[in-house]
């Protein structure tokens, strides 16, 4: 089970790095790891400045509240 968790985290971290290159300004590369459930300060600032990008889950409740 621990190996699967490590693989999932490694995959997610790689995805965040790719998203950072594709959508600059959101700090995706810094918004990785286990504690990234609500986003880093840089990520939230990017959302405020740029609005959501196609990679954002519009069903995510904290994002919905932020956009209201």
Protein backbone atom coordinates (compact mmCIF):
# COMPACT_ATOMS: atom_id res chain seq x y z
CA UNK A 1 0.00 0.00 0.00
CA UNK A 2 2.83 2.41 0.81
CA UNK A 3 4.36 1.84 -2.63
CA UNK A 4 1.09 2.77 -4.34
CA UNK A 5 0.86 5.92 -2.26
CA UNK A 6 4.40 6.90 -3.16
CA UNK A 7 3.74 6.26 -6.87
CA UNK A 8 0.57 8.35 -6.75
CA UNK A 9 2.38 11.24 -5.06
CA UNK A 10 5.26 11.05 -7.54
CA UNK A 11 2.82 11.05 -10.46
CA UNK A 12 0.87 14.00 -9.03
CA UNK A 13 4.07 15.97 -8.42
CA UNK A 14 5.14 15.39 -12.05
CA UNK A 15 1.69 16.50 -13.24
CA UNK A 16 1.94 19.69 -11.17
CA UNK A 17 5.30 20.49 -12.79
CA UNK A 18 3.76 19.97 -16.26
CA UNK A 19 0.78 22.16 -15.39
CA UNK A 20 3.16 24.86 -14.14
CA UNK A 21 4.81 24.96 -17.58
CA UNK A 22 1.47 24.90 -19.41
CA UNK A 23 -0.28 27.47 -17.23
CA UNK A 24 2.31 29.89 -15.79
CA UNK A 25 1.28 32.26 -13.06
CA UNK A 26 -0.52 29.78 -10.78
CA UNK A 27 2.50 28.31 -9.03
CA UNK A 28 1.42 24.74 -9.77
CA UNK A 29 4.98 23.45 -9.28
CA UNK A 30 4.98 24.79 -5.72
CA UNK A 31 1.45 23.47 -5.13
CA UNK A 32 2.42 19.83 -4.79
CA UNK A 33 2.82 17.36 -1.97
CA UNK A 34 0.47 15.90 0.60
CA UNK A 35 -0.55 19.23 2.13
CA UNK A 36 -1.67 20.78 -1.16
CA UNK A 37 -5.40 20.22 -0.67
CA UNK A 38 -6.25 23.92 -0.49
CA UNK A 39 -3.41 25.39 -2.55
CA UNK A 40 -0.38 27.44 -1.75
CA UNK A 41 -0.42 31.21 -1.25
CA UNK A 42 1.12 31.66 -4.72
CA UNK A 43 -1.55 29.44 -6.26
CA UNK A 44 -4.38 31.35 -4.59
CA UNK A 45 -2.83 34.65 -5.71
CA UNK A 46 -2.67 33.31 -9.28
CA UNK A 47 -6.34 32.38 -9.11
CA UNK A 48 -7.21 35.87 -7.89
CA UNK A 49 -5.13 37.47 -10.63
CA UNK A 50 -5.86 35.15 -13.58
CA UNK A 51 -9.06 33.33 -12.70
CA UNK A 52 -9.30 29.56 -13.11
CA UNK A 53 -7.62 27.74 -16.01
CA UNK A 54 -8.88 24.55 -17.71
CA UNK A 55 -6.89 22.44 -15.22
CA UNK A 56 -8.92 23.68 -12.26
CA UNK A 57 -11.78 21.55 -10.96
CA UNK A 58 -14.77 23.85 -10.93
CA UNK A 59 -16.57 21.34 -8.67
CA UNK A 60 -13.96 21.93 -5.91
CA UNK A 61 -15.90 23.71 -3.15
CA UNK A 62 -13.05 26.05 -2.02
CA UNK A 63 -12.68 27.20 -5.65
CA UNK A 64 -16.42 27.78 -5.98
CA UNK A 65 -16.42 29.87 -2.77
CA UNK A 66 -13.39 31.85 -3.99
CA UNK A 67 -15.12 32.74 -7.26
CA UNK A 68 -18.31 33.99 -5.61
